[in-house]
Protein backbone atom coordinates (compact mmCIF):
# COMPACT_ATOMS: atom_id res chain seq x y z
CA MET A 1 21.14 -34.54 -68.64
CA ASP A 2 17.72 -33.14 -67.76
CA GLN A 3 14.98 -35.15 -66.03
CA LYS A 4 13.11 -35.88 -69.23
CA GLU A 5 16.17 -37.46 -70.78
CA SER A 6 16.91 -39.42 -67.60
CA ARG A 7 13.43 -40.92 -67.56
CA ALA A 8 13.61 -41.83 -71.24
CA ASP A 9 16.98 -43.46 -70.88
CA SER A 10 16.28 -45.36 -67.68
CA THR A 11 12.84 -46.76 -68.42
CA SER A 12 13.57 -48.57 -71.65
CA ASP A 13 16.36 -50.10 -73.70
CA SER A 14 14.47 -49.46 -76.94
CA PRO A 15 13.73 -46.15 -78.66
CA ALA A 16 10.33 -47.52 -79.60
CA ALA A 17 9.23 -47.07 -75.99
CA THR A 18 9.88 -43.32 -76.00
CA LEU A 19 9.63 -42.34 -79.67
CA PRO A 20 6.57 -42.22 -81.94
CA ALA A 21 6.11 -45.01 -84.47
CA ARG A 22 5.40 -42.61 -87.32
CA LEU A 23 8.16 -40.80 -89.17
CA PRO A 24 9.28 -38.01 -86.79
CA TYR A 25 9.24 -35.15 -89.27
CA ALA A 26 10.19 -32.49 -86.70
CA ALA A 27 13.37 -34.32 -85.71
CA VAL A 28 14.20 -35.15 -89.32
CA SER A 29 13.74 -31.47 -90.24
CA ILE A 30 16.14 -30.33 -87.52
CA LEU A 31 18.72 -32.92 -88.59
CA ALA A 32 18.36 -31.55 -92.14
CA ALA A 33 18.86 -28.02 -90.77
CA GLY A 34 22.13 -29.20 -89.30
CA TRP A 35 23.32 -30.14 -92.76
CA VAL A 36 22.14 -26.77 -94.07
CA MET A 37 24.58 -24.99 -91.79
CA VAL A 38 27.45 -27.48 -92.14
CA TYR A 39 27.39 -27.04 -95.91
CA ALA A 40 26.68 -23.31 -95.87
CA ASP A 41 29.65 -22.78 -93.57
CA ARG A 42 32.13 -24.90 -95.50
CA LEU A 43 31.11 -23.70 -98.96
CA SER A 44 31.10 -20.00 -98.10
CA ILE A 45 34.87 -20.07 -98.70
CA SER A 46 34.60 -21.28 -102.31
CA PRO A 47 33.37 -18.02 -103.95
CA LEU A 48 35.90 -16.13 -101.80
CA MET A 49 39.00 -18.10 -102.80
CA ASN A 50 40.13 -15.65 -105.48
CA LEU A 51 39.70 -12.75 -103.02
CA ILE A 52 41.67 -14.58 -100.33
CA LYS A 53 44.33 -15.55 -102.87
CA GLY A 54 44.72 -11.94 -103.95
CA GLU A 55 44.71 -10.49 -100.41
CA PHE A 56 47.43 -12.80 -99.11
CA GLY A 57 49.35 -13.17 -102.41
CA LEU A 58 48.80 -16.94 -102.68
CA SER A 59 49.03 -19.47 -105.50
CA ASN A 60 46.10 -21.73 -106.38
CA PHE A 61 47.76 -24.55 -104.44
CA GLU A 62 48.34 -22.38 -101.36
CA VAL A 63 44.78 -21.09 -101.17
CA SER A 64 43.58 -24.69 -101.56
CA ILE A 65 45.35 -25.51 -98.29
CA VAL A 66 42.73 -23.51 -96.35
CA VAL A 67 40.01 -25.83 -97.64
CA SER A 68 42.06 -29.03 -97.49
CA LEU A 69 43.12 -28.53 -93.87
CA TYR A 70 39.48 -27.93 -92.95
CA PHE A 71 38.61 -31.29 -94.46
CA LEU A 72 41.67 -32.98 -92.96
CA ALA A 73 40.44 -31.93 -89.52
CA TYR A 74 36.87 -32.87 -90.44
CA VAL A 75 37.88 -36.36 -91.51
CA GLY A 76 40.43 -36.81 -88.74
CA PHE A 77 37.95 -36.16 -85.95
CA THR A 78 35.02 -38.16 -87.31
CA VAL A 79 36.08 -41.47 -85.74
CA PRO A 80 37.27 -39.98 -82.40
CA ALA A 81 33.98 -38.09 -82.15
CA THR A 82 32.04 -41.28 -82.85
CA ILE A 83 34.00 -43.18 -80.19
CA ALA A 84 33.23 -40.40 -77.73
CA ALA A 85 29.57 -40.55 -78.76
CA SER A 86 29.52 -44.30 -78.10
CA LYS A 87 30.67 -43.59 -74.55
CA TYR A 88 28.87 -40.37 -73.69
CA GLY A 89 25.87 -40.19 -76.02
CA TYR A 90 25.40 -39.34 -79.68
CA LYS A 91 23.18 -36.36 -79.02
CA ARG A 92 25.54 -34.79 -76.47
CA VAL A 93 28.57 -35.10 -78.74
CA MET A 94 26.63 -33.84 -81.77
CA VAL A 95 25.52 -30.67 -79.97
CA LEU A 96 28.88 -29.90 -78.32
CA PHE A 97 30.81 -30.29 -81.57
CA PHE A 98 28.22 -28.21 -83.43
CA LEU A 99 28.73 -25.39 -80.92
CA LEU A 100 32.49 -25.66 -81.50
CA ALA A 101 31.87 -25.33 -85.24
CA ALA A 102 29.83 -22.15 -84.70
CA ALA A 103 32.40 -20.56 -82.39
CA SER A 104 35.42 -21.35 -84.57
CA LEU A 105 33.73 -20.05 -87.72
CA GLY A 106 33.01 -16.77 -85.96
CA LEU A 107 36.64 -16.59 -84.81
CA ALA A 108 37.82 -17.29 -88.36
CA GLY A 109 35.94 -14.15 -89.38
CA VAL A 110 37.01 -11.99 -86.44
CA LEU A 111 40.68 -13.07 -86.35
CA GLY A 112 41.20 -14.28 -89.92
CA TYR A 113 43.28 -11.26 -90.89
CA SER A 114 46.29 -13.49 -91.52
CA TYR A 115 46.66 -16.61 -93.66
CA PHE A 116 47.80 -18.65 -90.64
CA LEU A 117 44.91 -17.66 -88.37
CA LEU A 118 42.34 -18.16 -91.11
CA THR A 119 43.71 -21.64 -91.82
CA PHE A 120 43.86 -22.53 -88.11
CA PHE A 121 40.29 -21.52 -87.28
CA MET A 122 38.86 -23.10 -90.43
CA ALA A 123 40.62 -26.34 -89.42
CA LEU A 124 39.09 -26.01 -85.94
CA HIS A 125 35.73 -25.51 -87.60
CA GLY A 126 36.36 -28.78 -89.43
CA VAL A 127 36.88 -30.48 -86.06
CA GLY A 128 33.49 -29.23 -84.91
CA ALA A 129 31.72 -30.33 -88.08
CA GLY A 130 33.42 -33.73 -88.03
CA ALA A 131 30.99 -35.26 -85.54
CA TYR A 132 27.79 -34.44 -87.42
CA TYR A 133 27.65 -37.15 -90.08
CA PRO A 134 27.91 -40.25 -87.84
CA THR A 135 25.88 -38.80 -84.97
CA ALA A 136 23.03 -37.41 -87.06
CA TYR A 137 22.57 -40.52 -89.17
CA LYS A 138 23.01 -42.87 -86.20
CA ILE A 139 20.22 -41.02 -84.40
CA SER A 140 18.06 -41.11 -87.52
CA THR A 141 18.40 -44.90 -87.84
CA GLU A 142 16.97 -45.19 -84.31
CA ILE A 143 14.03 -42.85 -84.65
CA VAL A 144 12.98 -43.86 -88.17
CA PRO A 145 11.40 -47.22 -89.17
CA ARG A 146 13.97 -49.37 -90.96
CA GLU A 147 11.88 -49.67 -94.14
CA ARG A 148 11.89 -45.87 -94.49
CA ILE A 149 15.57 -45.19 -93.83
CA GLY A 150 16.30 -44.50 -97.51
CA PHE A 151 13.51 -41.92 -97.68
CA SER A 152 14.37 -40.27 -94.35
CA SER A 153 18.08 -40.16 -95.24
CA ALA A 154 17.18 -38.33 -98.44
CA LEU A 155 15.07 -35.82 -96.47
CA ILE A 156 17.95 -35.21 -94.07
CA ASN A 157 20.38 -35.08 -96.99
CA SER A 158 18.29 -32.37 -98.66
CA GLY A 159 19.79 -30.01 -96.11
CA MET A 160 23.11 -30.43 -97.93
CA GLY A 161 21.53 -29.07 -101.09
CA VAL A 162 19.95 -26.10 -99.34
CA GLY A 163 23.18 -25.43 -97.45
CA SER A 164 25.20 -25.62 -100.65
CA ILE A 165 22.98 -22.98 -102.25
CA LEU A 166 23.21 -20.75 -99.18
CA GLY A 167 26.98 -21.08 -98.82
CA LEU A 168 27.67 -20.40 -102.48
CA ILE A 169 25.53 -17.27 -102.80
CA VAL A 170 25.66 -15.62 -99.36
CA ALA A 171 28.99 -13.94 -100.09
CA GLY A 172 27.52 -12.31 -103.18
CA PHE A 173 24.87 -10.61 -101.05
CA VAL A 174 27.09 -9.66 -98.10
CA LEU A 175 30.13 -8.32 -99.95
CA PRO A 176 28.33 -5.42 -101.70
CA LEU A 177 26.99 -4.28 -98.32
CA ILE A 178 30.21 -4.71 -96.33
CA SER A 179 33.36 -5.06 -98.39
CA SER A 180 34.93 -7.69 -96.16
CA TRP A 181 34.95 -11.41 -96.85
CA GLN A 182 35.54 -12.01 -93.10
CA ILE A 183 32.03 -10.69 -92.36
CA VAL A 184 30.58 -13.55 -94.41
CA LEU A 185 31.99 -16.05 -91.90
CA ILE A 186 30.76 -14.06 -88.91
CA VAL A 187 27.25 -13.81 -90.36
CA LEU A 188 27.06 -17.59 -90.92
CA SER A 189 28.32 -18.42 -87.42
CA ILE A 190 25.13 -16.98 -85.87
CA PRO A 191 22.54 -19.35 -87.43
CA THR A 192 25.02 -22.20 -86.88
CA ALA A 193 24.83 -21.55 -83.13
CA VAL A 194 21.03 -21.33 -83.33
CA VAL A 195 20.82 -24.74 -85.02
CA ALA A 196 23.04 -26.22 -82.29
CA ILE A 197 20.48 -25.07 -79.72
CA LEU A 198 17.62 -26.50 -81.78
CA LEU A 199 19.41 -29.85 -81.98
CA LEU A 200 19.69 -29.83 -78.20
CA LYS A 201 16.04 -28.95 -77.64
CA MET A 202 14.23 -30.84 -80.41
CA ILE A 203 16.06 -34.11 -81.06
CA PRO A 204 14.32 -36.81 -78.97
CA SER A 205 16.21 -38.91 -76.45
CA SER A 206 16.92 -42.47 -77.52
CA GLU A 207 19.37 -45.27 -77.00
CA SER A 208 21.99 -43.07 -78.68
CA GLN A 209 21.82 -40.88 -75.54
CA PRO A 210 22.69 -43.36 -72.77
CA ALA A 211 22.81 -42.35 -69.14
CA ARG A 212 26.17 -44.06 -68.89
CA SER A 213 27.92 -46.42 -71.30
CA THR A 214 29.66 -49.48 -69.89
CA ALA A 215 31.37 -50.36 -73.17
CA SER A 216 35.17 -50.39 -73.05
CA TYR A 217 37.25 -48.62 -75.63
CA GLY A 218 38.54 -52.03 -76.68
CA SER A 219 35.03 -53.24 -77.50
CA ILE A 220 34.30 -50.02 -79.38
CA LEU A 221 37.46 -50.41 -81.47
CA GLY A 222 36.42 -54.01 -82.07
CA GLN A 223 33.27 -52.70 -83.73
CA TYR A 224 35.39 -50.71 -86.17
CA ARG A 225 37.43 -53.80 -86.99
CA GLN A 226 34.20 -55.70 -87.62
CA VAL A 227 33.08 -53.03 -90.08
CA LEU A 228 36.39 -53.08 -91.97
CA PHE A 229 36.24 -56.86 -92.40
CA ASN A 230 32.99 -56.50 -94.35
CA SER A 231 34.22 -56.58 -97.95
CA ASN A 232 30.96 -55.24 -99.38
CA TYR A 233 31.15 -52.29 -97.02
CA VAL A 234 34.73 -51.50 -98.08
CA LYS A 235 33.70 -51.44 -101.76
CA ILE A 236 30.80 -49.08 -101.06
CA ALA A 237 33.14 -46.79 -99.09
CA ALA A 238 35.65 -46.77 -101.97
CA ALA A 239 32.88 -45.88 -104.43
CA MET A 240 31.85 -42.99 -102.19
CA PHE A 241 35.44 -41.70 -102.13
CA CYS A 242 35.39 -41.61 -105.93
CA SER A 243 31.96 -39.98 -106.07
CA LEU A 244 32.86 -37.22 -103.62
CA TYR A 245 36.17 -36.45 -105.31
CA GLY A 246 34.32 -35.03 -108.30
CA TYR A 247 31.82 -33.29 -106.04
CA TRP A 248 34.56 -31.38 -104.21
CA VAL A 249 36.26 -30.40 -107.45
CA ILE A 250 32.99 -28.71 -108.41
CA LEU A 251 32.27 -27.05 -105.08
CA THR A 252 35.81 -25.92 -104.29
CA TRP A 253 36.84 -24.64 -107.70
CA GLY A 254 33.56 -24.20 -109.58
CA PRO A 255 33.12 -20.53 -108.63
CA GLY A 256 36.79 -19.77 -109.32
CA PHE A 257 36.61 -21.58 -112.67
CA LEU A 258 33.58 -19.48 -113.67
CA GLN A 259 35.24 -16.26 -112.50
CA GLU A 260 38.41 -16.95 -114.51
CA SER A 261 37.03 -18.63 -117.65
CA LYS A 262 33.61 -17.01 -117.97
CA GLY A 263 34.27 -13.62 -116.33
CA LEU A 264 31.53 -13.94 -113.71
CA GLY A 265 31.44 -12.07 -110.39
CA VAL A 266 31.29 -13.51 -106.88
CA LEU A 267 27.48 -13.67 -106.70
CA SER A 268 26.85 -14.97 -110.22
CA SER A 269 29.65 -17.58 -110.04
CA GLY A 270 28.40 -18.87 -106.70
CA ALA A 271 24.79 -18.91 -107.86
CA THR A 272 25.70 -20.76 -111.05
CA THR A 273 27.64 -23.39 -109.12
CA ALA A 274 24.65 -23.76 -106.78
CA ILE A 275 22.39 -24.75 -109.69
CA PHE A 276 23.19 -28.42 -109.14
CA ALA A 277 21.97 -28.20 -105.53
CA CYS A 278 18.71 -26.55 -106.60
CA VAL A 279 18.11 -29.31 -109.13
CA ALA A 280 19.23 -32.12 -106.81
CA ILE A 281 16.79 -31.82 -103.91
CA LEU A 282 13.68 -33.38 -105.46
CA PRO A 283 15.44 -36.05 -107.62
CA SER A 284 17.51 -37.09 -104.60
CA ILE A 285 14.39 -37.79 -102.54
CA LEU A 286 12.54 -39.54 -105.37
CA ILE A 287 15.46 -41.68 -106.54
CA SER A 288 16.43 -42.65 -103.00
CA ARG A 289 12.85 -43.63 -102.22
CA HIS A 290 12.84 -45.71 -105.40
CA SER A 291 16.05 -47.44 -104.25
CA ASP A 292 14.11 -48.84 -101.28
CA LYS A 293 12.11 -50.85 -103.83
CA ILE A 294 14.40 -51.82 -106.73
CA GLY A 295 17.83 -51.92 -105.09
CA ARG A 296 20.73 -49.63 -104.27
CA LYS A 297 23.28 -51.27 -106.57
CA ARG A 298 21.20 -51.07 -109.74
CA ILE A 299 20.60 -47.35 -109.37
CA SER A 300 24.22 -46.64 -108.38
CA LEU A 301 25.51 -48.35 -111.54
CA ILE A 302 23.41 -45.95 -113.60
CA ILE A 303 24.05 -42.64 -111.86
CA LEU A 304 27.83 -42.82 -111.33
CA PRO A 305 28.79 -42.90 -115.05
CA LEU A 306 26.27 -40.12 -115.74
CA ALA A 307 27.80 -38.04 -112.93
CA ALA A 308 31.27 -38.56 -114.41
CA ALA A 309 30.09 -37.41 -117.84
CA SER A 310 28.51 -34.30 -116.34
CA ILE A 311 31.75 -33.29 -114.58
CA PHE A 312 33.77 -33.84 -117.77
CA PHE A 313 31.50 -31.54 -119.77
CA MET A 314 31.71 -28.82 -117.10
CA GLY A 315 35.42 -28.51 -117.85
CA TYR A 316 35.10 -29.16 -121.59
CA SER A 317 32.28 -26.77 -122.45
CA SER A 318 33.42 -23.51 -123.98
CA SER A 319 30.10 -21.76 -123.42
CA PHE A 320 28.38 -20.60 -120.26
CA LEU A 321 25.13 -22.35 -121.22
CA GLY A 322 27.04 -25.60 -121.74
CA PHE A 323 28.43 -25.37 -118.21
CA VAL A 324 24.94 -24.66 -116.83
CA ALA A 325 23.50 -27.70 -118.62
CA ALA A 326 26.29 -29.94 -117.35
CA ILE A 327 26.03 -28.82 -113.73
CA ALA A 328 22.23 -29.14 -113.81
CA ALA A 329 22.61 -32.71 -115.07
CA TYR A 330 25.04 -33.39 -112.24
CA GLY A 331 22.38 -32.24 -109.80
CA VAL A 332 20.13 -35.12 -110.85
CA VAL A 333 22.76 -37.88 -110.72
CA GLY A 334 25.50 -36.53 -108.46
CA LYS A 335 26.65 -36.87 -104.90
CA LEU A 336 23.48 -35.59 -103.24
CA THR A 337 21.55 -38.40 -104.94
CA LEU A 338 24.11 -41.14 -104.24
CA ASP A 339 24.64 -40.22 -100.58
CA PRO A 340 21.30 -41.41 -99.12
CA ILE A 341 21.45 -44.53 -101.30
CA ALA A 342 24.87 -45.40 -99.89
CA ILE A 343 23.70 -44.75 -96.31
CA ALA A 344 20.70 -47.03 -96.81
CA TRP A 345 22.92 -49.64 -98.50
CA VAL A 346 25.29 -49.63 -95.52
CA SER A 347 22.30 -49.97 -93.19
CA ASP A 348 21.16 -52.98 -95.22
CA ILE A 349 24.46 -54.86 -94.88
CA THR A 350 25.49 -53.78 -91.36
CA PRO A 351 24.21 -55.13 -88.02
CA LYS A 352 22.34 -52.44 -86.12
CA GLU A 353 24.75 -52.42 -83.18
CA ILE A 354 27.66 -51.26 -85.36
CA ILE A 355 25.85 -48.81 -87.66
CA GLY A 356 27.42 -45.86 -85.78
CA PRO A 357 31.00 -46.98 -86.50
CA ALA A 358 30.01 -48.00 -90.04
CA LEU A 359 28.65 -44.53 -90.81
CA ALA A 360 31.68 -42.88 -89.23
CA LEU A 361 34.10 -44.86 -91.39
CA LEU A 362 31.94 -44.29 -94.47
CA ASN A 363 32.20 -40.56 -93.86
CA VAL A 364 35.96 -40.80 -93.35
CA ALA A 365 36.42 -42.73 -96.59
CA ALA A 366 34.12 -40.49 -98.62
CA MET A 367 35.31 -37.18 -97.21
CA SER A 368 38.99 -38.08 -97.54
CA SER A 369 38.53 -37.11 -101.16
CA SER A 370 37.84 -33.55 -100.04
CA ILE A 371 41.39 -33.32 -98.71
CA PHE A 372 42.91 -34.22 -102.08
CA ALA A 373 40.46 -32.76 -104.61
CA PRO A 374 41.13 -29.04 -103.88
CA LEU A 375 44.91 -29.52 -103.77
CA ILE A 376 45.18 -31.68 -106.90
CA THR A 377 42.88 -29.36 -108.85
CA GLY A 378 44.95 -26.38 -107.70
CA LEU A 379 48.13 -28.15 -108.84
CA PHE A 380 46.58 -28.83 -112.26
CA ALA A 381 45.65 -25.13 -112.54
CA ASP A 382 49.16 -23.96 -111.60
CA ALA A 383 50.89 -26.49 -113.88
CA MET A 384 48.54 -26.44 -116.90
CA GLY A 385 47.25 -22.88 -116.69
CA SER A 386 43.62 -24.02 -116.62
CA LEU A 387 41.22 -25.50 -114.08
CA SER A 388 39.61 -27.60 -116.84
CA TYR A 389 42.15 -30.38 -116.39
CA GLY A 390 41.14 -30.71 -112.76
CA PHE A 391 37.55 -31.32 -113.90
CA TYR A 392 38.71 -33.97 -116.39
CA PHE A 393 40.64 -35.82 -113.71
CA GLY A 394 37.69 -35.55 -111.33
CA ALA A 395 35.41 -37.15 -113.93
CA LEU A 396 37.85 -40.03 -114.33
CA VAL A 397 37.93 -40.66 -110.57
CA VAL A 398 34.11 -40.67 -110.37
CA LEU A 399 33.88 -43.12 -113.29
CA PHE A 400 36.32 -45.45 -111.52
CA GLY A 401 33.86 -45.61 -108.62
CA THR A 402 31.54 -47.64 -110.85
CA VAL A 403 34.02 -50.53 -110.66
CA PHE A 404 33.67 -50.72 -106.87
CA VAL A 405 29.88 -50.59 -107.08
CA TYR A 406 29.84 -53.39 -109.65
CA PHE A 407 31.73 -55.77 -107.34
CA ALA A 408 29.90 -54.78 -104.15
CA GLY A 409 27.26 -57.16 -102.79
CA THR A 410 23.91 -56.30 -101.30
CA SER A 411 23.90 -58.67 -98.32
CA ARG A 412 25.84 -59.05 -95.09
CA VAL A 413 29.06 -61.10 -95.18
């Protein structure tokens, strides 16, 4: 730790003593940039899946394993990374894991000439990305006034939309210049490393960056047990699992679906899938800000059924324009809009001292769907001969999430 951080950590127990009272837009912007690269990195594979499948002679299910193992590692290391952050500092763990993500993505490009090595390094990349959700949002809850958490979460979350656009279209620009899908991964690893350095330099020190934690691992695990005994929290987490299942059906198989059913190329299929992210950025911020006033539950009960209907019509539409309309509608009411609402909702019902573990477990629950969605959709495609059935099932799962939202409360229990 440098001297500046040592002074900040030793002179006060409260971030208010070292951080400005106004919304720290510079820090929020860098946290959003982190999401840009996390999503750009992970979604760069989606437009390439048919190329990878053809190069290695894989089935739809087998090529899905590359994505699913990435998410298995991502989910599996979220809680361990958060426990480490509780002991050694959220900022330190965030930066170190982000550097691991950059390095492993570059290695996936350099050494990913075999199916095994590609899968291994993408899984390692998932390990590196696994720490970002709980560390970034934990830090944001400390540096942002509580009454503006919904708004700031939406600003940070907007990086997911930008990153989704970047990840889905970058291959279409790189492949015509250098006919190698591995180069796409190498290119993206460079700005990922740059963002890691920016996180180190520009995120302010706070109570999430302690000089030394005296908490035992037993007390930290006790915080996780406390979170899991909150019934309202569990229902919100289950709803997020359902919401993200449909989201990962779209992002994993959307480009492949367009390539196979609509005859689009790598660039046009990725760009079409990215339409939802382009549409989502402004509605996400506005709707999330509105949720600070009229309630998280009321808005969630409206947008989840609409998101389910949008996913259904993506698979059902026989025309390209119909797919575009459906995916644009999903942009308004989909995952990128629900995410900041759920984060703010969890902040509302969770004591401040356990928000870190609460966000970590929320990410685990929500992102667990990303392990299953690519595989199940691939199985539907192999068994039924069409990816449409995977979209139908995804819509059903998202709709079921409305049940959990309906029974979830809005106060601490």
